[in-house]
């Protein structure tokens, strides 16, 4: 497989770091990885999600923004959302220009789920399969966007994550006809504090859920 970086100009005319992995044979499936604030595309959940997509024959765009190295957090919430929206749309537009795709899978972690919410406002992404890892459930507009578009979805979150809201999650699972994986005792990083064996077991559950969900989605 060929790996390259696309020329992507985003917020304030700055380059948006990315990796684009191209299948050696023709494909009409594009996977898009959208990291968290400090949870990069190389961290376990996103790494294995990308591996699964590649094994399914998808091209893969990894948007590799590093907002923690900027003044992103110092900006008002509206400016933050404008920043990430511009960056992610620019990256996705560049990827979509590479081939003709009729299947898109979005995988976001935390901040990346906000990016997913913005993408879903665009018709090109409204039939996408979505994996929401630790979604920002307190954001009313994001909940409303998921309810409105109701993409086929997998939600992954830990019971010890401060963003975990069981009733909201159950409702969103219902409206998207999707699935939810709650990792008992896991924090926002989807790890079990002070227990490496339990954290590895949790990762195994997550990878199994990703494989099952993505295989099911590929057959839809």
N, C-alpha and C. Protein backbone atom coordinates (compact mmCIF):
# COMPACT_ATOMS: atom_id res chain seq x y z
N UNK A 1 0.84 -1.20 0.00
CA UNK A 1 0.00 0.00 0.00
C UNK A 1 0.87 1.25 0.00
N UNK A 2 0.42 2.25 -0.71
CA UNK A 2 1.14 3.51 -0.80
C UNK A 2 0.69 4.44 0.32
N UNK A 3 1.63 5.10 0.97
CA UNK A 3 1.32 6.05 2.04
C UNK A 3 1.89 7.41 1.64
N UNK A 4 1.02 8.41 1.67
CA UNK A 4 1.49 9.75 1.34
C UNK A 4 0.78 10.77 2.21
N UNK A 5 1.25 12.01 2.15
CA UNK A 5 0.58 13.11 2.84
C UNK A 5 -0.07 13.99 1.79
N UNK A 6 -1.35 14.26 1.97
CA UNK A 6 -2.06 15.12 1.04
C UNK A 6 -1.77 16.58 1.36
N UNK A 7 -1.79 17.40 0.33
CA UNK A 7 -1.60 18.84 0.53
C UNK A 7 -2.93 19.44 0.98
N UNK A 8 -3.02 19.74 2.27
CA UNK A 8 -4.28 20.21 2.85
C UNK A 8 -4.04 21.55 3.55
N UNK A 9 -4.76 22.57 3.12
CA UNK A 9 -4.69 23.90 3.73
C UNK A 9 -5.98 24.14 4.49
N UNK A 10 -5.86 24.35 5.79
CA UNK A 10 -7.03 24.51 6.62
C UNK A 10 -7.12 25.88 7.27
N UNK A 11 -7.44 25.90 8.56
CA UNK A 11 -7.64 27.12 9.32
C UNK A 11 -6.43 28.04 9.24
N UNK A 12 -6.69 29.32 8.98
CA UNK A 12 -5.65 30.35 8.87
C UNK A 12 -4.57 29.98 7.86
N UNK A 13 -4.99 29.28 6.81
CA UNK A 13 -4.08 28.89 5.73
C UNK A 13 -2.90 28.05 6.21
N UNK A 14 -3.14 27.29 7.27
CA UNK A 14 -2.10 26.41 7.79
C UNK A 14 -2.26 25.00 7.24
N UNK A 15 -1.13 24.30 7.07
CA UNK A 15 -1.16 22.91 6.64
C UNK A 15 -1.83 22.04 7.71
N UNK A 16 -2.64 21.11 7.28
CA UNK A 16 -3.27 20.15 8.19
C UNK A 16 -2.52 18.83 8.04
N UNK A 17 -1.79 18.39 9.08
CA UNK A 17 -1.04 17.13 8.97
C UNK A 17 -1.98 15.96 8.73
N UNK A 18 -1.53 15.03 7.90
CA UNK A 18 -2.36 13.87 7.59
C UNK A 18 -1.51 12.77 6.97
N UNK A 19 -2.06 11.57 7.00
CA UNK A 19 -1.51 10.45 6.25
C UNK A 19 -2.64 9.85 5.43
N UNK A 20 -2.34 9.55 4.17
CA UNK A 20 -3.35 8.94 3.29
C UNK A 20 -2.78 7.62 2.79
N UNK A 21 -3.46 6.54 3.13
CA UNK A 21 -2.99 5.20 2.79
C UNK A 21 -3.88 4.65 1.68
N UNK A 22 -3.26 4.31 0.56
CA UNK A 22 -4.00 3.96 -0.64
C UNK A 22 -3.86 2.46 -0.92
N UNK A 23 -4.98 1.81 -1.15
CA UNK A 23 -4.97 0.40 -1.50
C UNK A 23 -4.34 0.20 -2.88
N UNK A 24 -3.64 -0.91 -3.08
CA UNK A 24 -3.01 -1.16 -4.39
C UNK A 24 -4.01 -1.48 -5.48
N UNK A 25 -5.22 -1.88 -5.10
CA UNK A 25 -6.26 -2.16 -6.08
C UNK A 25 -7.41 -1.18 -5.90
N UNK A 26 -8.31 -1.15 -6.86
CA UNK A 26 -9.41 -0.21 -6.85
C UNK A 26 -10.32 -0.43 -5.63
N UNK A 27 -10.77 0.65 -5.04
CA UNK A 27 -11.72 0.57 -3.93
C UNK A 27 -12.66 1.76 -3.98
N UNK A 28 -13.86 1.57 -3.46
CA UNK A 28 -14.83 2.66 -3.38
C UNK A 28 -15.18 2.96 -1.93
N UNK A 29 -14.33 2.50 -1.01
CA UNK A 29 -14.55 2.68 0.42
C UNK A 29 -13.44 3.56 0.99
N UNK A 30 -13.83 4.62 1.68
CA UNK A 30 -12.87 5.53 2.33
C UNK A 30 -13.11 5.52 3.84
N UNK A 31 -12.09 5.22 4.60
CA UNK A 31 -12.13 5.35 6.06
C UNK A 31 -11.45 6.63 6.48
N UNK A 32 -12.02 7.30 7.49
CA UNK A 32 -11.47 8.58 7.96
C UNK A 32 -11.31 8.51 9.47
N UNK A 33 -10.08 8.73 9.95
CA UNK A 33 -9.76 8.69 11.38
C UNK A 33 -9.60 10.12 11.89
N UNK A 34 -10.37 10.45 12.94
CA UNK A 34 -10.39 11.80 13.50
C UNK A 34 -10.01 11.71 14.98
N UNK A 35 -8.79 12.07 15.34
CA UNK A 35 -8.28 11.86 16.70
C UNK A 35 -8.90 12.78 17.74
N UNK A 36 -8.53 12.53 18.99
CA UNK A 36 -8.91 13.40 20.09
C UNK A 36 -7.90 14.53 20.26
N UNK A 37 -8.06 15.28 21.32
CA UNK A 37 -7.18 16.42 21.58
C UNK A 37 -5.74 15.94 21.81
N UNK A 38 -5.57 14.94 22.66
CA UNK A 38 -4.26 14.33 22.87
C UNK A 38 -4.23 12.85 22.50
N UNK A 39 -5.34 12.33 22.05
CA UNK A 39 -5.42 10.92 21.67
C UNK A 39 -5.21 10.83 20.17
N UNK A 40 -3.98 10.53 19.77
CA UNK A 40 -3.60 10.59 18.36
C UNK A 40 -4.12 9.39 17.58
N UNK A 41 -3.95 9.45 16.27
CA UNK A 41 -4.35 8.34 15.40
C UNK A 41 -3.50 7.10 15.61
N UNK A 42 -2.37 7.24 16.32
CA UNK A 42 -1.52 6.10 16.62
C UNK A 42 -1.88 5.43 17.94
N UNK A 43 -2.78 6.02 18.72
CA UNK A 43 -3.20 5.42 19.98
C UNK A 43 -4.06 4.18 19.68
N UNK A 44 -4.13 3.24 20.65
CA UNK A 44 -4.65 1.90 20.35
C UNK A 44 -5.99 1.82 19.64
N UNK A 45 -7.02 2.47 20.16
CA UNK A 45 -8.35 2.30 19.57
C UNK A 45 -8.38 2.79 18.12
N UNK A 46 -7.78 3.93 17.86
CA UNK A 46 -7.79 4.47 16.49
C UNK A 46 -6.84 3.69 15.59
N UNK A 47 -5.72 3.25 16.14
CA UNK A 47 -4.78 2.45 15.36
C UNK A 47 -5.46 1.18 14.84
N UNK A 48 -6.13 0.46 15.73
CA UNK A 48 -6.76 -0.79 15.31
C UNK A 48 -7.99 -0.56 14.44
N UNK A 49 -8.70 0.52 14.69
CA UNK A 49 -9.81 0.85 13.79
C UNK A 49 -9.29 1.06 12.37
N UNK A 50 -8.18 1.77 12.26
CA UNK A 50 -7.57 1.96 10.94
C UNK A 50 -7.11 0.66 10.32
N UNK A 51 -6.51 -0.21 11.13
CA UNK A 51 -6.07 -1.53 10.64
C UNK A 51 -7.25 -2.33 10.08
N UNK A 52 -8.36 -2.30 10.80
CA UNK A 52 -9.54 -3.05 10.35
C UNK A 52 -10.05 -2.50 9.02
N UNK A 53 -10.11 -1.18 8.90
CA UNK A 53 -10.56 -0.57 7.65
C UNK A 53 -9.66 -0.95 6.49
N UNK A 54 -8.35 -0.93 6.72
CA UNK A 54 -7.42 -1.31 5.65
C UNK A 54 -7.61 -2.78 5.26
N UNK A 55 -7.82 -3.64 6.26
CA UNK A 55 -8.03 -5.06 5.98
C UNK A 55 -9.32 -5.28 5.20
N UNK A 56 -10.28 -4.38 5.38
CA UNK A 56 -11.54 -4.47 4.63
C UNK A 56 -11.41 -3.91 3.22
N UNK A 57 -10.23 -3.39 2.88
CA UNK A 57 -10.00 -2.89 1.53
C UNK A 57 -10.25 -1.41 1.34
N UNK A 58 -10.43 -0.66 2.42
CA UNK A 58 -10.67 0.78 2.31
C UNK A 58 -9.36 1.55 2.16
N UNK A 59 -9.41 2.65 1.43
CA UNK A 59 -8.36 3.66 1.56
C UNK A 59 -8.56 4.31 2.93
N UNK A 60 -7.48 4.88 3.48
CA UNK A 60 -7.58 5.42 4.83
C UNK A 60 -6.95 6.80 4.94
N UNK A 61 -7.76 7.77 5.39
CA UNK A 61 -7.27 9.11 5.71
C UNK A 61 -7.15 9.23 7.22
N UNK A 62 -5.95 9.54 7.69
CA UNK A 62 -5.72 9.81 9.11
C UNK A 62 -5.45 11.31 9.24
N UNK A 63 -6.40 12.05 9.80
CA UNK A 63 -6.21 13.48 10.04
C UNK A 63 -5.41 13.61 11.34
N UNK A 64 -4.25 14.24 11.28
CA UNK A 64 -3.30 14.18 12.40
C UNK A 64 -3.06 15.55 13.04
N UNK A 65 -4.16 16.28 13.27
CA UNK A 65 -4.03 17.58 13.92
C UNK A 65 -3.43 17.42 15.32
N UNK A 66 -2.70 18.44 15.74
CA UNK A 66 -2.06 18.42 17.08
C UNK A 66 -2.41 19.74 17.78
N UNK A 67 -3.69 19.89 18.10
CA UNK A 67 -4.15 21.15 18.67
C UNK A 67 -3.55 21.45 20.03
N UNK A 68 -3.11 20.42 20.74
CA UNK A 68 -2.50 20.65 22.05
C UNK A 68 -1.19 21.42 21.95
N UNK A 69 -0.63 21.52 20.76
CA UNK A 69 0.60 22.28 20.56
C UNK A 69 0.33 23.71 20.11
N UNK A 70 -0.95 24.10 20.10
CA UNK A 70 -1.36 25.43 19.65
C UNK A 70 -2.14 26.13 20.76
N UNK A 71 -2.71 27.28 20.43
CA UNK A 71 -3.56 28.00 21.40
C UNK A 71 -5.03 27.63 21.24
N UNK A 72 -5.29 26.45 20.70
CA UNK A 72 -6.65 25.99 20.44
C UNK A 72 -7.53 26.11 21.68
N UNK A 73 -7.07 25.62 22.82
CA UNK A 73 -7.87 25.60 24.05
C UNK A 73 -8.14 27.00 24.59
N UNK A 74 -7.36 27.96 24.17
CA UNK A 74 -7.54 29.34 24.65
C UNK A 74 -8.63 30.07 23.86
N UNK A 75 -9.08 29.47 22.77
CA UNK A 75 -10.09 30.10 21.93
C UNK A 75 -11.49 29.84 22.47
N UNK A 76 -12.44 30.74 22.20
CA UNK A 76 -13.84 30.47 22.56
C UNK A 76 -14.31 29.20 21.86
N UNK A 77 -15.31 28.56 22.44
CA UNK A 77 -15.81 27.29 21.88
C UNK A 77 -16.20 27.43 20.42
N UNK A 78 -16.82 28.55 20.06
CA UNK A 78 -17.25 28.74 18.67
C UNK A 78 -16.05 28.79 17.73
N UNK A 79 -14.96 29.41 18.17
CA UNK A 79 -13.74 29.49 17.36
C UNK A 79 -13.09 28.12 17.25
N UNK A 80 -13.12 27.35 18.34
CA UNK A 80 -12.56 25.99 18.29
C UNK A 80 -13.29 25.15 17.26
N UNK A 81 -14.62 25.22 17.27
CA UNK A 81 -15.41 24.41 16.35
C UNK A 81 -15.20 24.87 14.91
N UNK A 82 -15.06 26.17 14.70
CA UNK A 82 -14.78 26.68 13.36
C UNK A 82 -13.42 26.19 12.89
N UNK A 83 -12.45 26.17 13.77
CA UNK A 83 -11.08 25.74 13.47
C UNK A 83 -11.08 24.28 13.03
N UNK A 84 -11.65 23.42 13.87
CA UNK A 84 -11.62 21.99 13.56
C UNK A 84 -12.47 21.68 12.33
N UNK A 85 -13.59 22.38 12.17
CA UNK A 85 -14.44 22.14 11.01
C UNK A 85 -13.69 22.47 9.72
N UNK A 86 -13.01 23.60 9.67
CA UNK A 86 -12.26 23.97 8.47
C UNK A 86 -11.15 22.97 8.17
N UNK A 87 -10.42 22.58 9.20
CA UNK A 87 -9.32 21.63 9.01
C UNK A 87 -9.82 20.29 8.49
N UNK A 88 -10.87 19.79 9.11
CA UNK A 88 -11.34 18.44 8.77
C UNK A 88 -12.02 18.43 7.40
N UNK A 89 -12.81 19.44 7.09
CA UNK A 89 -13.41 19.49 5.76
C UNK A 89 -12.34 19.60 4.68
N UNK A 90 -11.30 20.39 4.93
CA UNK A 90 -10.22 20.52 3.95
C UNK A 90 -9.54 19.17 3.72
N UNK A 91 -9.27 18.45 4.81
CA UNK A 91 -8.62 17.15 4.69
C UNK A 91 -9.52 16.15 3.97
N UNK A 92 -10.79 16.12 4.33
CA UNK A 92 -11.72 15.18 3.71
C UNK A 92 -11.94 15.50 2.23
N UNK A 93 -12.01 16.78 1.89
CA UNK A 93 -12.16 17.16 0.49
C UNK A 93 -10.97 16.67 -0.33
N UNK A 94 -9.77 16.79 0.25
CA UNK A 94 -8.57 16.32 -0.45
C UNK A 94 -8.62 14.82 -0.66
N UNK A 95 -9.05 14.08 0.36
CA UNK A 95 -9.13 12.63 0.24
C UNK A 95 -10.20 12.21 -0.77
N UNK A 96 -11.34 12.86 -0.73
CA UNK A 96 -12.43 12.50 -1.63
C UNK A 96 -12.10 12.78 -3.10
N UNK A 97 -11.11 13.63 -3.34
CA UNK A 97 -10.71 13.93 -4.72
C UNK A 97 -9.79 12.85 -5.28
N UNK A 98 -9.35 11.91 -4.45
CA UNK A 98 -8.38 10.91 -4.91
C UNK A 98 -9.03 9.82 -5.76
N UNK A 99 -10.24 9.40 -5.37
CA UNK A 99 -10.98 8.38 -6.11
C UNK A 99 -12.47 8.67 -5.98
N UNK A 100 -13.27 7.87 -6.65
CA UNK A 100 -14.72 7.97 -6.50
C UNK A 100 -15.15 6.97 -5.42
N UNK A 101 -15.64 7.49 -4.29
CA UNK A 101 -16.03 6.64 -3.17
C UNK A 101 -17.54 6.67 -3.01
N UNK A 102 -18.13 5.49 -2.75
CA UNK A 102 -19.56 5.45 -2.44
C UNK A 102 -19.82 4.90 -1.05
N UNK A 103 -18.75 4.59 -0.29
CA UNK A 103 -18.88 4.14 1.10
C UNK A 103 -17.86 4.89 1.95
N UNK A 104 -18.32 5.50 3.03
CA UNK A 104 -17.45 6.26 3.93
C UNK A 104 -17.66 5.75 5.35
N UNK A 105 -16.56 5.54 6.06
CA UNK A 105 -16.62 5.19 7.48
C UNK A 105 -15.88 6.26 8.27
N UNK A 106 -16.56 6.88 9.21
CA UNK A 106 -15.97 7.90 10.08
C UNK A 106 -15.69 7.29 11.44
N UNK A 107 -14.45 7.48 11.94
CA UNK A 107 -14.09 7.01 13.27
C UNK A 107 -13.50 8.19 14.03
N UNK A 108 -14.17 8.62 15.10
CA UNK A 108 -13.70 9.77 15.87
C UNK A 108 -13.55 9.44 17.33
N UNK A 109 -12.58 10.08 17.94
CA UNK A 109 -12.34 9.94 19.39
C UNK A 109 -12.49 11.30 20.04
N UNK A 110 -13.46 11.44 20.94
CA UNK A 110 -13.64 12.65 21.73
C UNK A 110 -13.76 13.90 20.85
N UNK A 111 -12.72 14.73 20.79
CA UNK A 111 -12.76 15.92 19.94
C UNK A 111 -13.10 15.54 18.50
N UNK A 112 -12.63 14.36 18.08
CA UNK A 112 -12.94 13.89 16.74
C UNK A 112 -14.42 13.65 16.51
N UNK A 113 -15.18 13.39 17.58
CA UNK A 113 -16.62 13.22 17.40
C UNK A 113 -17.31 14.56 17.12
N UNK A 114 -16.71 15.65 17.59
CA UNK A 114 -17.22 16.98 17.23
C UNK A 114 -17.01 17.20 15.74
N UNK A 115 -15.81 16.82 15.25
CA UNK A 115 -15.54 16.91 13.81
C UNK A 115 -16.56 16.09 13.02
N UNK A 116 -16.88 14.90 13.51
CA UNK A 116 -17.88 14.06 12.85
C UNK A 116 -19.22 14.77 12.76
N UNK A 117 -19.61 15.42 13.84
CA UNK A 117 -20.87 16.15 13.85
C UNK A 117 -20.93 17.21 12.78
N UNK A 118 -19.82 17.92 12.57
CA UNK A 118 -19.78 18.93 11.51
C UNK A 118 -19.86 18.28 10.13
N UNK A 119 -19.14 17.18 9.94
CA UNK A 119 -19.18 16.50 8.65
C UNK A 119 -20.58 16.02 8.30
N UNK A 120 -21.33 15.56 9.31
CA UNK A 120 -22.66 15.03 9.05
C UNK A 120 -23.65 16.09 8.56
N UNK A 121 -23.29 17.35 8.70
CA UNK A 121 -24.15 18.41 8.17
C UNK A 121 -24.06 18.49 6.64
N UNK A 122 -23.05 17.80 6.07
CA UNK A 122 -22.82 17.82 4.64
C UNK A 122 -23.38 16.54 4.02
N UNK A 123 -24.10 16.69 2.91
CA UNK A 123 -24.79 15.55 2.31
C UNK A 123 -23.86 14.40 1.95
N UNK A 124 -22.59 14.69 1.64
CA UNK A 124 -21.67 13.63 1.23
C UNK A 124 -21.39 12.63 2.35
N UNK A 125 -21.62 13.05 3.59
CA UNK A 125 -21.28 12.20 4.74
C UNK A 125 -22.50 11.62 5.45
N UNK A 126 -23.68 11.95 4.99
CA UNK A 126 -24.88 11.59 5.76
C UNK A 126 -25.25 10.12 5.67
N UNK A 127 -24.64 9.40 4.74
CA UNK A 127 -24.84 7.95 4.70
C UNK A 127 -23.64 7.20 5.24
N UNK A 128 -22.73 7.91 5.89
CA UNK A 128 -21.52 7.29 6.42
C UNK A 128 -21.84 6.37 7.60
N UNK A 129 -21.02 5.35 7.75
CA UNK A 129 -21.02 4.53 8.95
C UNK A 129 -20.16 5.26 9.98
N UNK A 130 -20.61 5.32 11.24
CA UNK A 130 -19.93 6.14 12.24
C UNK A 130 -19.54 5.34 13.49
N UNK A 131 -18.31 5.53 13.91
CA UNK A 131 -17.83 4.99 15.18
C UNK A 131 -17.52 6.18 16.09
N UNK A 132 -18.26 6.28 17.18
CA UNK A 132 -18.13 7.39 18.12
C UNK A 132 -17.43 6.87 19.38
N UNK A 133 -16.13 7.11 19.49
CA UNK A 133 -15.38 6.69 20.67
C UNK A 133 -15.34 7.84 21.67
N UNK A 134 -15.85 7.63 22.86
CA UNK A 134 -16.00 8.66 23.90
C UNK A 134 -16.61 9.94 23.34
N UNK A 135 -17.82 9.86 22.77
CA UNK A 135 -18.45 11.05 22.19
C UNK A 135 -18.72 12.12 23.25
N UNK A 136 -18.74 13.37 22.80
CA UNK A 136 -18.97 14.50 23.70
C UNK A 136 -20.48 14.64 23.91
N UNK A 137 -21.04 13.76 24.69
CA UNK A 137 -22.49 13.69 24.86
C UNK A 137 -23.12 14.95 25.46
N UNK A 138 -22.40 15.73 26.32
CA UNK A 138 -23.05 16.93 26.86
C UNK A 138 -23.34 18.00 25.81
N UNK A 139 -22.75 17.91 24.60
CA UNK A 139 -22.99 18.92 23.58
C UNK A 139 -24.37 18.72 22.94
N UNK A 140 -25.27 19.64 23.21
CA UNK A 140 -26.64 19.50 22.73
C UNK A 140 -26.71 19.47 21.21
N UNK A 141 -25.93 20.34 20.54
CA UNK A 141 -26.00 20.37 19.08
C UNK A 141 -25.50 19.06 18.47
N UNK A 142 -24.52 18.43 19.10
CA UNK A 142 -24.00 17.17 18.58
C UNK A 142 -25.04 16.06 18.74
N UNK A 143 -25.70 16.01 19.90
CA UNK A 143 -26.76 15.03 20.09
C UNK A 143 -27.87 15.24 19.06
N UNK A 144 -28.22 16.50 18.83
CA UNK A 144 -29.28 16.81 17.88
C UNK A 144 -28.89 16.41 16.45
N UNK A 145 -27.61 16.60 16.12
CA UNK A 145 -27.14 16.23 14.78
C UNK A 145 -27.22 14.72 14.58
N UNK A 146 -26.82 13.97 15.59
CA UNK A 146 -26.90 12.50 15.50
C UNK A 146 -28.35 12.07 15.37
N UNK A 147 -29.23 12.70 16.16
CA UNK A 147 -30.66 12.37 16.11
C UNK A 147 -31.25 12.69 14.74
N UNK A 148 -30.85 13.83 14.18
CA UNK A 148 -31.39 14.27 12.89
C UNK A 148 -30.94 13.36 11.75
N UNK A 149 -29.63 13.05 11.69
CA UNK A 149 -29.08 12.29 10.57
C UNK A 149 -29.18 10.79 10.82
N UNK A 150 -29.18 10.39 12.07
CA UNK A 150 -29.21 9.01 12.56
C UNK A 150 -28.37 8.04 11.71
N UNK A 151 -27.05 8.31 11.61
CA UNK A 151 -26.19 7.40 10.86
C UNK A 151 -26.04 6.08 11.60
N UNK A 152 -25.81 5.01 10.85
CA UNK A 152 -25.56 3.71 11.47
C UNK A 152 -24.32 3.85 12.35
N UNK A 153 -24.44 3.57 13.65
CA UNK A 153 -23.42 3.99 14.60
C UNK A 153 -23.04 2.92 15.61
N UNK A 154 -21.77 2.98 16.00
CA UNK A 154 -21.25 2.25 17.15
C UNK A 154 -20.74 3.29 18.14
N UNK A 155 -21.23 3.23 19.38
CA UNK A 155 -20.78 4.13 20.44
C UNK A 155 -19.90 3.34 21.41
N UNK A 156 -18.74 3.91 21.75
CA UNK A 156 -17.82 3.26 22.67
C UNK A 156 -17.47 4.26 23.77
N UNK A 157 -17.64 3.85 25.03
CA UNK A 157 -17.36 4.76 26.13
C UNK A 157 -17.11 3.95 27.40
N UNK A 158 -16.41 4.55 28.35
CA UNK A 158 -16.17 3.91 29.64
C UNK A 158 -17.17 4.38 30.68
N UNK A 159 -17.52 3.50 31.61
CA UNK A 159 -18.49 3.88 32.65
C UNK A 159 -17.92 4.91 33.61
N UNK A 160 -16.57 5.05 33.67
CA UNK A 160 -15.96 6.03 34.55
C UNK A 160 -15.59 7.32 33.81
N UNK A 161 -16.01 7.43 32.58
CA UNK A 161 -15.80 8.65 31.80
C UNK A 161 -16.82 9.68 32.26
N UNK A 162 -16.37 10.89 32.55
CA UNK A 162 -17.29 11.93 33.02
C UNK A 162 -18.31 12.32 31.94
N UNK A 163 -18.06 11.93 30.69
CA UNK A 163 -18.99 12.22 29.60
C UNK A 163 -20.07 11.15 29.45
N UNK A 164 -19.96 10.09 30.22
CA UNK A 164 -20.90 8.97 30.11
C UNK A 164 -22.28 9.38 30.64
N UNK A 165 -23.27 9.31 29.77
CA UNK A 165 -24.65 9.63 30.13
C UNK A 165 -25.53 8.51 29.60
N UNK A 166 -25.80 7.50 30.44
CA UNK A 166 -26.47 6.27 29.98
C UNK A 166 -27.79 6.49 29.25
N UNK A 167 -28.64 7.38 29.75
CA UNK A 167 -29.95 7.58 29.13
C UNK A 167 -29.82 8.17 27.73
N UNK A 168 -28.94 9.16 27.60
CA UNK A 168 -28.72 9.78 26.29
C UNK A 168 -28.12 8.76 25.32
N UNK A 169 -27.18 7.99 25.81
CA UNK A 169 -26.52 7.00 24.98
C UNK A 169 -27.53 5.94 24.49
N UNK A 170 -28.38 5.51 25.38
CA UNK A 170 -29.39 4.51 25.02
C UNK A 170 -30.33 5.07 23.95
N UNK A 171 -30.69 6.34 24.09
CA UNK A 171 -31.58 6.96 23.11
C UNK A 171 -30.90 7.06 21.73
N UNK A 172 -29.62 7.50 21.73
CA UNK A 172 -28.91 7.65 20.46
C UNK A 172 -28.68 6.30 19.79
N UNK A 173 -28.43 5.28 20.59
CA UNK A 173 -28.30 3.94 20.04
C UNK A 173 -29.61 3.53 19.35
N UNK A 174 -30.72 3.88 19.96
CA UNK A 174 -32.03 3.52 19.41
C UNK A 174 -32.30 4.25 18.10
N UNK A 175 -32.06 5.57 18.07
CA UNK A 175 -32.41 6.33 16.86
C UNK A 175 -31.49 6.01 15.69
N UNK A 176 -30.26 5.57 15.98
CA UNK A 176 -29.34 5.22 14.90
C UNK A 176 -29.41 3.74 14.54
N UNK A 177 -30.24 2.99 15.29
CA UNK A 177 -30.28 1.53 15.12
C UNK A 177 -28.88 0.95 15.19
N UNK A 178 -28.13 1.46 16.16
CA UNK A 178 -26.73 1.10 16.27
C UNK A 178 -26.43 0.21 17.46
N UNK A 179 -25.19 0.27 17.90
CA UNK A 179 -24.71 -0.54 19.02
C UNK A 179 -23.95 0.36 19.99
N UNK A 180 -23.87 -0.10 21.24
CA UNK A 180 -23.09 0.60 22.25
C UNK A 180 -22.23 -0.41 22.99
N UNK A 181 -20.96 -0.03 23.20
CA UNK A 181 -20.07 -0.82 24.04
C UNK A 181 -19.65 0.07 25.21
N UNK A 182 -20.05 -0.30 26.41
CA UNK A 182 -19.65 0.41 27.62
C UNK A 182 -18.61 -0.45 28.34
N UNK A 183 -17.42 0.12 28.53
CA UNK A 183 -16.34 -0.58 29.21
C UNK A 183 -16.41 -0.24 30.70
N UNK A 184 -16.74 -1.21 31.51
CA UNK A 184 -16.92 -0.98 32.94
C UNK A 184 -15.61 -0.53 33.57
N UNK A 185 -15.67 0.63 34.23
CA UNK A 185 -14.51 1.16 34.95
C UNK A 185 -13.51 1.91 34.10
N UNK A 186 -13.75 2.00 32.80
CA UNK A 186 -12.79 2.69 31.92
C UNK A 186 -12.98 4.20 31.99
N UNK A 187 -11.87 4.91 31.87
CA UNK A 187 -11.88 6.37 31.90
C UNK A 187 -12.00 6.93 30.48
N UNK A 188 -11.76 8.23 30.35
CA UNK A 188 -11.92 8.87 29.04
C UNK A 188 -10.90 8.36 28.02
N UNK A 189 -9.79 7.84 28.51
CA UNK A 189 -8.79 7.25 27.61
C UNK A 189 -9.10 5.81 27.26
N UNK A 190 -10.25 5.31 27.71
CA UNK A 190 -10.68 3.93 27.50
C UNK A 190 -9.69 2.93 28.11
N UNK A 191 -9.13 3.31 29.24
CA UNK A 191 -8.25 2.44 30.01
C UNK A 191 -8.80 2.29 31.42
N UNK A 192 -8.42 1.19 32.05
CA UNK A 192 -8.80 0.94 33.44
C UNK A 192 -7.65 1.42 34.32
N UNK A 193 -7.84 2.47 35.09
CA UNK A 193 -6.74 3.01 35.90
C UNK A 193 -6.09 1.96 36.78
N UNK A 194 -4.75 1.97 36.80
CA UNK A 194 -3.93 1.13 37.68
C UNK A 194 -4.09 -0.37 37.39
N UNK A 195 -4.56 -0.73 36.20
CA UNK A 195 -4.65 -2.15 35.86
C UNK A 195 -4.34 -2.35 34.38
N UNK A 196 -3.10 -2.70 34.08
CA UNK A 196 -2.72 -2.96 32.69
C UNK A 196 -3.46 -4.17 32.13
N UNK A 197 -3.56 -5.29 32.88
CA UNK A 197 -4.29 -6.44 32.33
C UNK A 197 -5.74 -6.12 31.98
N UNK A 198 -6.43 -5.37 32.86
CA UNK A 198 -7.82 -5.01 32.58
C UNK A 198 -7.90 -4.04 31.40
N UNK A 199 -6.92 -3.16 31.27
CA UNK A 199 -6.90 -2.23 30.14
C UNK A 199 -6.71 -2.98 28.83
N UNK A 200 -5.85 -3.97 28.83
CA UNK A 200 -5.63 -4.78 27.63
C UNK A 200 -6.87 -5.60 27.30
N UNK A 201 -7.53 -6.12 28.32
CA UNK A 201 -8.77 -6.86 28.09
C UNK A 201 -9.84 -5.94 27.50
N UNK A 202 -9.89 -4.70 28.00
CA UNK A 202 -10.85 -3.73 27.47
C UNK A 202 -10.56 -3.43 26.01
N UNK A 203 -9.28 -3.27 25.68
CA UNK A 203 -8.90 -3.01 24.29
C UNK A 203 -9.32 -4.18 23.40
N UNK A 204 -9.17 -5.39 23.90
CA UNK A 204 -9.58 -6.56 23.13
C UNK A 204 -11.08 -6.54 22.85
N UNK A 205 -11.88 -6.17 23.86
CA UNK A 205 -13.33 -6.05 23.67
C UNK A 205 -13.66 -4.99 22.61
N UNK A 206 -12.93 -3.88 22.68
CA UNK A 206 -13.18 -2.79 21.73
C UNK A 206 -12.86 -3.23 20.31
N UNK A 207 -11.72 -3.89 20.13
CA UNK A 207 -11.32 -4.34 18.79
C UNK A 207 -12.33 -5.35 18.25
N UNK A 208 -12.79 -6.26 19.09
CA UNK A 208 -13.80 -7.23 18.66
C UNK A 208 -15.08 -6.52 18.22
N UNK A 209 -15.49 -5.52 19.01
CA UNK A 209 -16.71 -4.77 18.66
C UNK A 209 -16.53 -4.02 17.34
N UNK A 210 -15.34 -3.44 17.14
CA UNK A 210 -15.06 -2.74 15.88
C UNK A 210 -15.11 -3.70 14.70
N UNK A 211 -14.49 -4.86 14.85
CA UNK A 211 -14.49 -5.84 13.76
C UNK A 211 -15.90 -6.29 13.40
N UNK A 212 -16.69 -6.58 14.42
CA UNK A 212 -18.06 -7.04 14.17
C UNK A 212 -18.90 -5.95 13.52
N UNK A 213 -18.80 -4.74 14.06
CA UNK A 213 -19.61 -3.63 13.55
C UNK A 213 -19.21 -3.28 12.12
N UNK A 214 -17.91 -3.20 11.85
CA UNK A 214 -17.47 -2.81 10.51
C UNK A 214 -17.74 -3.90 9.48
N UNK A 215 -17.65 -5.15 9.90
CA UNK A 215 -18.00 -6.25 8.99
C UNK A 215 -19.47 -6.21 8.66
N UNK A 216 -20.29 -5.97 9.68
CA UNK A 216 -21.74 -5.86 9.48
C UNK A 216 -22.06 -4.68 8.56
N UNK A 217 -21.37 -3.56 8.76
CA UNK A 217 -21.62 -2.36 7.95
C UNK A 217 -21.22 -2.59 6.50
N UNK A 218 -20.14 -3.36 6.29
CA UNK A 218 -19.69 -3.62 4.92
C UNK A 218 -20.70 -4.45 4.15
N UNK A 219 -21.52 -5.21 4.87
CA UNK A 219 -22.51 -6.08 4.23
C UNK A 219 -23.86 -5.39 4.04
N UNK A 220 -24.01 -4.17 4.55
CA UNK A 220 -25.29 -3.49 4.47
C UNK A 220 -25.59 -3.06 3.04
